[in-house]
Amino acid sequence: MTIPARRPVAPPPYPPARGLLAGKTVVITAAAGTGIGYAVAKRAAEEGARLLISDYHERRLGEAADRLAAETGHRPATQLCDVTKESDVQALRAAADRALDGVDVLINNAGLGGEASVVEMTDEQWSRVLDVTLTSVFRMSRAFLPGMYARGGGAIVNNASVLGWRAQAGQAHYAAAKAGVMAFTRCAAIEAAGHGVRINAVAPSIAMHPFLAKVTTPEALERLAAQEAFGRPAEVWEVANAMLFLASDLSSYMTGEVLSVSSQRA
């Protein structure tokens, strides 16, 4: 019996707003550009949240805020932040307290990739990827959890990756960082649960956006997409939807979970 080739399944229509985050205040890191960070900011605004978005790139951050204002009718507060610098993280927390009068949801989206074999990888490559992708989640959580504890509740959603589970050549640093995000999520969630704070993560595989298309060959994108159950990359807003679910009260009994947004193929 010949098994027919998998045909890509078209993405569903863009979802209507349902008020999932009505009245909530949300901080999102690395929200400029065209990737998951911007998508989750847009979806959060559409779902009724008041936002502060951050990024390390000033021009792109301003452009993202302008786009959100045009597309959702609400311009978010903004704060420049290099998540590898503790002083910037503290400044971001202070800005969020001023702009939002307390933070209900923190979405840790910052991350850095790259490709290098283990034998050719430099200490700087290894350290930089782990600092941006893993240590930033620790810094941000450490900065924002006390405020959530004082408020008696909140939610943190971390952006992990299927590479925290899945082996891929040239990705030892990134995979180690994302596996660390998963482990950090689980441990921090146990500490935070008694304060009414939930901490979860999503693990996307491949989500298509213009920047990814610039840095990845069409052949590689086609190969990666063919591995997915639907035969296509995720839309960035499909990943954002999963993050919003974890940020919302609909996931009130979920903490320490890593929610796969992929077909989970090894």
C-alpha atoms as a PDB file:
ATOM      1  CA  MET A   1       0.000   0.000   0.000  1.00  0.00           C
ATOM      2  CA  THR A   2       1.365   3.386  -1.020  1.00  0.00           C
ATOM      3  CA  ILE A   3       0.876   6.157   1.515  1.00  0.00           C
ATOM      4  CA  PRO A   4       0.012   9.412  -0.296  1.00  0.00           C
ATOM      5  CA  ALA A   5       2.232  12.421   0.278  1.00  0.00           C
ATOM      6  CA  ARG A   6       1.010  14.766   2.989  1.00  0.00           C
ATOM      7  CA  ARG A   7      -0.656  17.871   1.629  1.00  0.00           C
ATOM      8  CA  PRO A   8      -0.292  21.058   3.641  1.00  0.00           C
ATOM      9  CA  VAL A   9      -3.427  21.965   5.573  1.00  0.00           C
ATOM     10  CA  ALA A  10      -4.304  25.637   5.299  1.00  0.00           C
ATOM     11  CA  PRO A  11      -4.327  27.656   8.525  1.00  0.00           C
ATOM     12  CA  PRO A  12      -7.728  28.536   9.996  1.00  0.00           C
ATOM     13  CA  PRO A  13      -9.162  32.035   9.750  1.00  0.00           C
ATOM     14  CA  TYR A  14      -7.706  34.663  12.058  1.00  0.00           C
ATOM     15  CA  PRO A  15      -9.653  34.376  15.330  1.00  0.00           C
ATOM     16  CA  PRO A  16     -12.159  36.963  16.524  1.00  0.00           C
ATOM     17  CA  ALA A  17     -11.571  38.610  19.898  1.00  0.00           C
ATOM     18  CA  ARG A  18     -13.237  36.952  22.884  1.00  0.00           C
ATOM     19  CA  GLY A  19     -12.162  39.243  25.725  1.00  0.00           C
ATOM     20  CA  LEU A  20      -9.760  36.661  27.165  1.00  0.00           C
ATOM     21  CA  LEU A  21      -7.540  39.318  28.760  1.00  0.00           C
ATOM     22  CA  ALA A  22     -10.089  42.050  29.407  1.00  0.00           C
ATOM     23  CA  GLY A  23      -8.842  44.285  32.197  1.00  0.00           C
ATOM     24  CA  LYS A  24      -5.444  42.559  32.409  1.00  0.00           C
ATOM     25  CA  THR A  25      -2.074  44.290  32.228  1.00  0.00           C
ATOM     26  CA  VAL A  26       0.595  42.567  30.159  1.00  0.00           C
ATOM     27  CA  VAL A  27       4.339  43.040  29.623  1.00  0.00           C
ATOM     28  CA  ILE A  28       5.970  41.413  26.577  1.00  0.00           C
ATOM     29  CA  THR A  29       9.695  41.262  25.830  1.00  0.00           C
ATOM     30  CA  ALA A  30      11.168  41.249  22.308  1.00  0.00           C
ATOM     31  CA  ALA A  31       7.878  42.447  20.859  1.00  0.00           C
ATOM     32  CA  ALA A  32       9.231  44.466  17.921  1.00  0.00           C
ATOM     33  CA  GLY A  33       9.575  43.070  14.430  1.00  0.00           C
ATOM     34  CA  THR A  34       7.397  40.477  12.732  1.00  0.00           C
ATOM     35  CA  GLY A  35       7.732  37.404  14.930  1.00  0.00           C
ATOM     36  CA  ILE A  36       5.879  35.762  17.792  1.00  0.00           C
ATOM     37  CA  GLY A  37       6.456  38.712  20.160  1.00  0.00           C
ATOM     38  CA  TYR A  38       4.587  41.177  17.965  1.00  0.00           C
ATOM     39  CA  ALA A  39       1.867  38.624  17.236  1.00  0.00           C
ATOM     40  CA  VAL A  40       1.196  37.996  20.923  1.00  0.00           C
ATOM     41  CA  ALA A  41       1.178  41.745  21.599  1.00  0.00           C
ATOM     42  CA  LYS A  42      -1.414  42.270  18.896  1.00  0.00           C
ATOM     43  CA  ARG A  43      -3.557  39.363  20.062  1.00  0.00           C
ATOM     44  CA  ALA A  44      -3.315  40.508  23.695  1.00  0.00           C
ATOM     45  CA  ALA A  45      -4.460  44.007  22.728  1.00  0.00           C
ATOM     46  CA  GLU A  46      -7.327  42.541  20.705  1.00  0.00           C
ATOM     47  CA  GLU A  47      -8.316  40.473  23.753  1.00  0.00           C
ATOM     48  CA  GLY A  48      -8.632  43.579  25.902  1.00  0.00           C
ATOM     49  CA  ALA A  49      -5.260  43.836  27.666  1.00  0.00           C
ATOM     50  CA  ARG A  50      -3.350  47.006  28.447  1.00  0.00           C
ATOM     51  CA  LEU A  51       0.213  46.559  27.259  1.00  0.00           C
ATOM     52  CA  LEU A  52       3.799  47.518  27.754  1.00  0.00           C
ATOM     53  CA  ILE A  53       6.092  46.136  25.073  1.00  0.00           C
ATOM     54  CA  SER A  54       9.873  46.123  25.155  1.00  0.00           C
ATOM     55  CA  ASP A  55      12.738  45.460  22.804  1.00  0.00           C
ATOM     56  CA  TYR A  56      16.419  46.383  22.568  1.00  0.00           C
ATOM     57  CA  HIS A  57      16.007  48.093  19.171  1.00  0.00           C
ATOM     58  CA  GLU A  58      14.593  51.614  19.555  1.00  0.00           C
ATOM     59  CA  ARG A  59      13.402  52.244  16.000  1.00  0.00           C
ATOM     60  CA  ARG A  60      11.714  48.847  15.655  1.00  0.00           C
ATOM     61  CA  LEU A  61      10.082  49.241  19.060  1.00  0.00           C
ATOM     62  CA  GLY A  62       8.553  52.570  18.047  1.00  0.00           C
ATOM     63  CA  GLU A  63       7.394  51.117  14.740  1.00  0.00           C
ATOM     64  CA  ALA A  64       5.801  48.170  16.553  1.00  0.00           C
ATOM     65  CA  ALA A  65       3.908  50.502  18.876  1.00  0.00           C
ATOM     66  CA  ASP A  66       2.690  52.561  15.911  1.00  0.00           C
ATOM     67  CA  ARG A  67       1.527  49.408  14.098  1.00  0.00           C
ATOM     68  CA  LEU A  68      -0.321  48.182  17.167  1.00  0.00           C
ATOM     69  CA  ALA A  69      -2.047  51.541  17.498  1.00  0.00           C
ATOM     70  CA  ALA A  70      -3.101  51.420  13.852  1.00  0.00           C
ATOM     71  CA  GLU A  71      -4.210  47.781  13.920  1.00  0.00           C
ATOM     72  CA  THR A  72      -5.890  47.605  17.328  1.00  0.00           C
ATOM     73  CA  GLY A  73      -6.768  51.190  18.194  1.00  0.00           C
ATOM     74  CA  HIS A  74      -4.624  51.103  21.331  1.00  0.00           C
ATOM     75  CA  ARG A  75      -1.016  52.266  21.524  1.00  0.00           C
ATOM     76  CA  PRO A  76       0.993  50.325  24.110  1.00  0.00           C
ATOM     77  CA  ALA A  77       3.491  51.785  26.515  1.00  0.00           C
ATOM     78  CA  THR A  78       7.080  51.053  25.480  1.00  0.00           C
ATOM     79  CA  GLN A  79      10.424  50.608  27.193  1.00  0.00           C
ATOM     80  CA  LEU A  80      13.820  49.882  25.674  1.00  0.00           C
ATOM     81  CA  CYS A  81      15.369  46.851  27.339  1.00  0.00           C
ATOM     82  CA  ASP A  82      18.386  44.647  26.786  1.00  0.00           C
ATOM     83  CA  VAL A  83      17.332  41.566  28.738  1.00  0.00           C
ATOM     84  CA  THR A  84      20.979  40.610  29.336  1.00  0.00           C
ATOM     85  CA  LYS A  85      21.454  43.713  31.519  1.00  0.00           C
ATOM     86  CA  GLU A  86      20.031  43.689  35.040  1.00  0.00           C
ATOM     87  CA  SER A  87      19.813  47.502  35.076  1.00  0.00           C
ATOM     88  CA  ASP A  88      17.623  47.432  31.946  1.00  0.00           C
ATOM     89  CA  VAL A  89      15.398  44.735  33.424  1.00  0.00           C
ATOM     90  CA  GLN A  90      14.893  46.779  36.598  1.00  0.00           C
ATOM     91  CA  ALA A  91      14.124  49.861  34.511  1.00  0.00           C
ATOM     92  CA  LEU A  92      11.551  47.841  32.571  1.00  0.00           C
ATOM     93  CA  ARG A  93       9.876  46.700  35.777  1.00  0.00           C
ATOM     94  CA  ALA A  94       9.732  50.273  37.060  1.00  0.00           C
ATOM     95  CA  ALA A  95       8.315  51.512  33.744  1.00  0.00           C
ATOM     96  CA  ALA A  96       5.646  48.811  33.832  1.00  0.00           C
ATOM     97  CA  ASP A  97       4.641  49.760  37.367  1.00  0.00           C
ATOM     98  CA  ARG A  98       4.292  53.406  36.298  1.00  0.00           C
ATOM     99  CA  ALA A  99       2.451  52.733  33.050  1.00  0.00           C
ATOM    100  CA  LEU A 100       0.248  49.831  34.124  1.00  0.00           C
ATOM    101  CA  ASP A 101      -0.004  50.225  37.905  1.00  0.00           C
ATOM    102  CA  GLY A 102       0.919  46.585  38.395  1.00  0.00           C
ATOM    103  CA  VAL A 103       1.478  43.663  36.049  1.00  0.00           C
ATOM    104  CA  ASP A 104      -0.893  40.710  35.730  1.00  0.00           C
ATOM    105  CA  VAL A 105       0.927  38.869  32.932  1.00  0.00           C
ATOM    106  CA  LEU A 106       4.581  38.668  31.908  1.00  0.00           C
ATOM    107  CA  ILE A 107       5.434  37.083  28.569  1.00  0.00           C
ATOM    108  CA  ASN A 108       9.121  36.211  28.241  1.00  0.00           C
ATOM    109  CA  ASN A 109       9.639  36.074  24.500  1.00  0.00           C
ATOM    110  CA  ALA A 110      13.276  37.158  24.100  1.00  0.00           C
ATOM    111  CA  GLY A 111      15.562  34.588  22.531  1.00  0.00           C
ATOM    112  CA  LEU A 112      18.579  34.248  20.278  1.00  0.00           C
ATOM    113  CA  GLY A 113      19.419  31.463  17.846  1.00  0.00           C
ATOM    114  CA  GLY A 114      22.308  30.611  15.590  1.00  0.00           C
ATOM    115  CA  GLU A 115      23.969  27.560  14.129  1.00  0.00           C
ATOM    116  CA  ALA A 116      27.350  26.068  15.019  1.00  0.00           C
ATOM    117  CA  SER A 117      28.706  22.601  15.599  1.00  0.00           C
ATOM    118  CA  VAL A 118      29.906  21.792  19.094  1.00  0.00           C
ATOM    119  CA  VAL A 119      33.556  21.512  18.039  1.00  0.00           C
ATOM    120  CA  GLU A 120      33.455  24.885  16.256  1.00  0.00           C
ATOM    121  CA  MET A 121      31.291  26.793  18.755  1.00  0.00           C
ATOM    122  CA  THR A 122      33.075  29.539  20.695  1.00  0.00           C
ATOM    123  CA  ASP A 123      32.549  30.338  24.353  1.00  0.00           C
ATOM    124  CA  GLU A 124      31.085  33.669  23.265  1.00  0.00           C
ATOM    125  CA  GLN A 125      28.510  31.997  20.965  1.00  0.00           C
ATOM    126  CA  TRP A 126      27.484  29.588  23.714  1.00  0.00           C
ATOM    127  CA  SER A 127      27.296  32.234  26.435  1.00  0.00           C
ATOM    128  CA  ARG A 128      25.448  34.796  24.329  1.00  0.00           C
ATOM    129  CA  VAL A 129      22.682  32.374  23.316  1.00  0.00           C
ATOM    130  CA  LEU A 130      22.211  31.160  26.889  1.00  0.00           C
ATOM    131  CA  ASP A 131      22.248  34.691  28.290  1.00  0.00           C
ATOM    132  CA  VAL A 132      19.579  36.013  25.924  1.00  0.00           C
ATOM    133  CA  THR A 133      17.457  32.873  25.758  1.00  0.00           C
ATOM    134  CA  LEU A 134      17.650  31.373  29.255  1.00  0.00           C
ATOM    135  CA  THR A 135      19.181  33.760  31.783  1.00  0.00           C
ATOM    136  CA  SER A 136      16.876  36.559  30.639  1.00  0.00           C
ATOM    137  CA  VAL A 137      13.870  34.455  31.675  1.00  0.00           C
ATOM    138  CA  PHE A 138      15.390  34.170  35.156  1.00  0.00           C
ATOM    139  CA  ARG A 139      16.166  37.918  35.334  1.00  0.00           C
ATOM    140  CA  MET A 140      12.706  38.947  34.200  1.00  0.00           C
ATOM    141  CA  SER A 141      10.932  36.490  36.477  1.00  0.00           C
ATOM    142  CA  ARG A 142      13.037  37.561  39.445  1.00  0.00           C
ATOM    143  CA  ALA A 143      12.138  41.197  38.757  1.00  0.00           C
ATOM    144  CA  PHE A 144       8.385  40.749  38.271  1.00  0.00           C
ATOM    145  CA  LEU A 145       7.444  37.946  40.662  1.00  0.00           C
ATOM    146  CA  PRO A 146       7.611  40.050  43.849  1.00  0.00           C
ATOM    147  CA  GLY A 147       4.982  42.421  42.476  1.00  0.00           C
ATOM    148  CA  MET A 148       2.754  39.515  41.478  1.00  0.00           C
ATOM    149  CA  TYR A 149       3.205  37.951  44.915  1.00  0.00           C
ATOM    150  CA  ALA A 150       2.169  41.233  46.514  1.00  0.00           C
ATOM    151  CA  ARG A 151      -0.926  41.413  44.283  1.00  0.00           C
ATOM    152  CA  GLY A 152      -1.831  37.829  45.141  1.00  0.00           C
ATOM    153  CA  GLY A 153      -1.782  36.484  41.615  1.00  0.00           C
ATOM    154  CA  GLY A 154      -0.491  36.670  38.074  1.00  0.00           C
ATOM    155  CA  ALA A 155       0.778  34.603  35.185  1.00  0.00           C
ATOM    156  CA  ILE A 156       4.101  34.211  33.413  1.00  0.00           C
ATOM    157  CA  VAL A 157       4.345  32.616  29.985  1.00  0.00           C
ATOM    158  CA  ASN A 158       7.784  31.654  28.676  1.00  0.00           C
ATOM    159  CA  ASN A 159       8.635  30.990  25.051  1.00  0.00           C
ATOM    160  CA  ALA A 160      10.532  27.696  24.865  1.00  0.00           C
ATOM    161  CA  SER A 161      10.979  25.523  21.768  1.00  0.00           C
ATOM    162  CA  VAL A 162      10.575  21.943  20.598  1.00  0.00           C
ATOM    163  CA  LEU A 163      14.374  21.917  20.446  1.00  0.00           C
ATOM    164  CA  GLY A 164      14.232  21.592  24.214  1.00  0.00           C
ATOM    165  CA  TRP A 165      13.110  18.034  23.427  1.00  0.00           C
ATOM    166  CA  ARG A 166      14.174  17.481  19.824  1.00  0.00           C
ATOM    167  CA  ALA A 167      17.735  16.802  18.630  1.00  0.00           C
ATOM    168  CA  GLN A 168      19.043  18.956  15.785  1.00  0.00           C
ATOM    169  CA  ALA A 169      22.623  19.311  14.592  1.00  0.00           C
ATOM    170  CA  GLY A 170      24.166  22.743  15.017  1.00  0.00           C
ATOM    171  CA  GLN A 171      21.700  23.748  17.743  1.00  0.00           C
ATOM    172  CA  ALA A 172      23.376  22.519  20.934  1.00  0.00           C
ATOM    173  CA  HIS A 173      23.485  25.994  22.518  1.00  0.00           C
ATOM    174  CA  TYR A 174      19.937  26.956  21.571  1.00  0.00           C
ATOM    175  CA  ALA A 175      18.520  23.550  22.500  1.00  0.00           C
ATOM    176  CA  ALA A 176      20.304  23.621  25.854  1.00  0.00           C
ATOM    177  CA  ALA A 177      18.916  27.099  26.524  1.00  0.00           C
ATOM    178  CA  LYS A 178      15.363  26.122  25.626  1.00  0.00           C
ATOM    179  CA  ALA A 179      15.560  22.923  27.688  1.00  0.00           C
ATOM    180  CA  GLY A 180      16.691  25.192  30.515  1.00  0.00           C
ATOM    181  CA  VAL A 181      13.642  27.415  29.993  1.00  0.00           C
ATOM    182  CA  MET A 182      11.450  24.346  30.373  1.00  0.00           C
ATOM    183  CA  ALA A 183      13.181  23.230  33.585  1.00  0.00           C
ATOM    184  CA  PHE A 184      13.166  26.765  34.988  1.00  0.00           C
ATOM    185  CA  THR A 185       9.444  27.026  34.225  1.00  0.00           C
ATOM    186  CA  ARG A 186       8.662  23.872  36.154  1.00  0.00           C
ATOM    187  CA  CYS A 187      10.763  24.774  39.206  1.00  0.00           C
ATOM    188  CA  ALA A 188       9.677  28.412  39.391  1.00  0.00           C
ATOM    189  CA  ALA A 189       6.043  27.347  39.040  1.00  0.00           C
ATOM    190  CA  ILE A 190       6.258  25.249  42.204  1.00  0.00           C
ATOM    191  CA  GLU A 191       7.675  28.217  44.121  1.00  0.00           C
ATOM    192  CA  ALA A 192       5.070  30.634  42.769  1.00  0.00           C
ATOM    193  CA  ALA A 193       1.973  28.468  43.152  1.00  0.00           C
ATOM    194  CA  GLY A 194       1.479  29.290  46.827  1.00  0.00           C
ATOM    195  CA  HIS A 195       1.319  32.981  45.901  1.00  0.00           C
ATOM    196  CA  GLY A 196      -1.397  32.444  43.304  1.00  0.00           C
ATOM    197  CA  VAL A 197       1.009  32.926  40.378  1.00  0.00           C
ATOM    198  CA  ARG A 198       1.045  30.474  37.476  1.00  0.00           C
ATOM    199  CA  ILE A 199       4.132  29.929  35.288  1.00  0.00           C
ATOM    200  CA  ASN A 200       3.886  27.988  32.037  1.00  0.00           C
ATOM    201  CA  ALA A 201       5.656  27.806  28.685  1.00  0.00           C
ATOM    202  CA  VAL A 202       4.918  27.106  25.055  1.00  0.00           C
ATOM    203  CA  ALA A 203       7.187  25.041  22.818  1.00  0.00           C
ATOM    204  CA  PRO A 204       6.721  26.053  19.173  1.00  0.00           C
ATOM    205  CA  SER A 205       8.465  24.314  16.314  1.00  0.00           C
ATOM    206  CA  ILE A 206       8.512  26.490  13.210  1.00  0.00           C
ATOM    207  CA  ALA A 207       6.462  29.672  12.912  1.00  0.00           C
ATOM    208  CA  MET A 208       6.648  31.563   9.641  1.00  0.00           C
ATOM    209  CA  HIS A 209       7.403  35.283   9.519  1.00  0.00           C
ATOM    210  CA  PRO A 210       9.402  37.535   7.175  1.00  0.00           C
ATOM    211  CA  PHE A 211      12.606  37.581   9.259  1.00  0.00           C
ATOM    212  CA  LEU A 212      12.731  33.786   9.350  1.00  0.00           C
ATOM    213  CA  ALA A 213      12.406  33.716   5.582  1.00  0.00           C
ATOM    214  CA  LYS A 214      15.390  36.076   5.307  1.00  0.00           C
ATOM    215  CA  VAL A 215      17.732  33.982   7.457  1.00  0.00           C
ATOM    216  CA  THR A 216      16.648  30.488   6.378  1.00  0.00           C
ATOM    217  CA  THR A 217      16.916  28.954   2.923  1.00  0.00           C
ATOM    218  CA  PRO A 218      13.704  27.964   1.120  1.00  0.00           C
ATOM    219  CA  GLU A 219      14.963  24.377   1.038  1.00  0.00           C
ATOM    220  CA  ALA A 220      15.408  24.274   4.810  1.00  0.00           C
ATOM    221  CA  LEU A 221      11.988  25.834   5.405  1.00  0.00           C
ATOM    222  CA  GLU A 222      10.365  23.305   3.086  1.00  0.00           C
ATOM    223  CA  ARG A 223      12.108  20.418   4.853  1.00  0.00           C
ATOM    224  CA  LEU A 224      11.107  21.651   8.313  1.00  0.00           C
ATOM    225  CA  ALA A 225       7.518  22.305   7.249  1.00  0.00           C
ATOM    226  CA  ALA A 226       7.224  18.807   5.777  1.00  0.00           C
ATOM    227  CA  GLN A 227       7.979  17.340   9.221  1.00  0.00           C
ATOM    228  CA  GLU A 228       4.961  19.006  10.790  1.00  0.00           C
ATOM    229  CA  ALA A 229       1.632  17.242  11.179  1.00  0.00           C
ATOM    230  CA  PHE A 230      -0.172  19.879   9.125  1.00  0.00           C
ATOM    231  CA  GLY A 231       2.592  20.003   6.515  1.00  0.00           C
ATOM    232  CA  ARG A 232       3.135  23.735   7.041  1.00  0.00           C
ATOM    233  CA  PRO A 233       4.732  26.140   9.509  1.00  0.00           C
ATOM    234  CA  ALA A 234       2.574  27.667  12.204  1.00  0.00           C
ATOM    235  CA  GLU A 235       1.338  31.185  11.708  1.00  0.00           C
ATOM    236  CA  VAL A 236       2.848  33.403  14.400  1.00  0.00           C
ATOM    237  CA  TRP A 237      -0.625  34.222  15.694  1.00  0.00           C
ATOM    238  CA  GLU A 238      -1.322  30.510  16.181  1.00  0.00           C
ATOM    239  CA  VAL A 239       1.579  30.374  18.644  1.00  0.00           C
ATOM    240  CA  ALA A 240       0.345  33.628  20.187  1.00  0.00           C
ATOM    241  CA  ASN A 241      -3.078  32.054  20.730  1.00  0.00           C
ATOM    242  CA  ALA A 242      -1.521  29.293  22.848  1.00  0.00           C
ATOM    243  CA  MET A 243       0.368  31.888  24.872  1.00  0.00           C
ATOM    244  CA  LEU A 244      -2.812  33.885  25.456  1.00  0.00           C
ATOM    245  CA  PHE A 245      -4.586  30.751  26.654  1.00  0.00           C
ATOM    246  CA  LEU A 246      -1.851  30.206  29.249  1.00  0.00           C
ATOM    247  CA  ALA A 247      -2.030  33.883  30.237  1.00  0.00           C
ATOM    248  CA  SER A 248      -5.807  33.821  30.616  1.00  0.00           C
ATOM    249  CA  ASP A 249      -8.056  32.523  33.379  1.00  0.00           C
ATOM    250  CA  LEU A 250      -9.060  29.628  31.103  1.00  0.00           C
ATOM    251  CA  SER A 251      -5.833  27.883  32.157  1.00  0.00           C
ATOM    252  CA  SER A 252      -6.353  28.573  35.865  1.00  0.00           C
ATOM    253  CA  TYR A 253      -5.368  25.037  36.954  1.00  0.00           C
ATOM    254  CA  MET A 254      -2.278  24.811  34.767  1.00  0.00           C
ATOM    255  CA  THR A 255       1.165  25.629  36.104  1.00  0.00           C
ATOM    256  CA  GLY A 256       4.625  24.261  35.417  1.00  0.00           C
ATOM    257  CA  GLU A 257       3.415  23.005  32.041  1.00  0.00           C
ATOM    258  CA  VAL A 258       5.181  23.153  28.691  1.00  0.00           C
ATOM    259  CA  LEU A 259       2.520  23.296  25.991  1.00  0.00           C
ATOM    260  CA  SER A 260       3.664  21.953  22.645  1.00  0.00           C
ATOM    261  CA  VAL A 261       2.563  24.008  19.624  1.00  0.00           C
ATOM    262  CA  SER A 262       3.781  21.534  17.043  1.00  0.00           C
ATOM    263  CA  SER A 263       3.542  17.945  15.886  1.00  0.00           C
ATOM    264  CA  GLN A 264       6.383  16.891  18.230  1.00  0.00           C
ATOM    265  CA  ARG A 265       8.314  14.869  15.654  1.00  0.00           C
ATOM    266  CA  ALA A 266      11.819  13.866  16.696  1.00  0.00           C
END
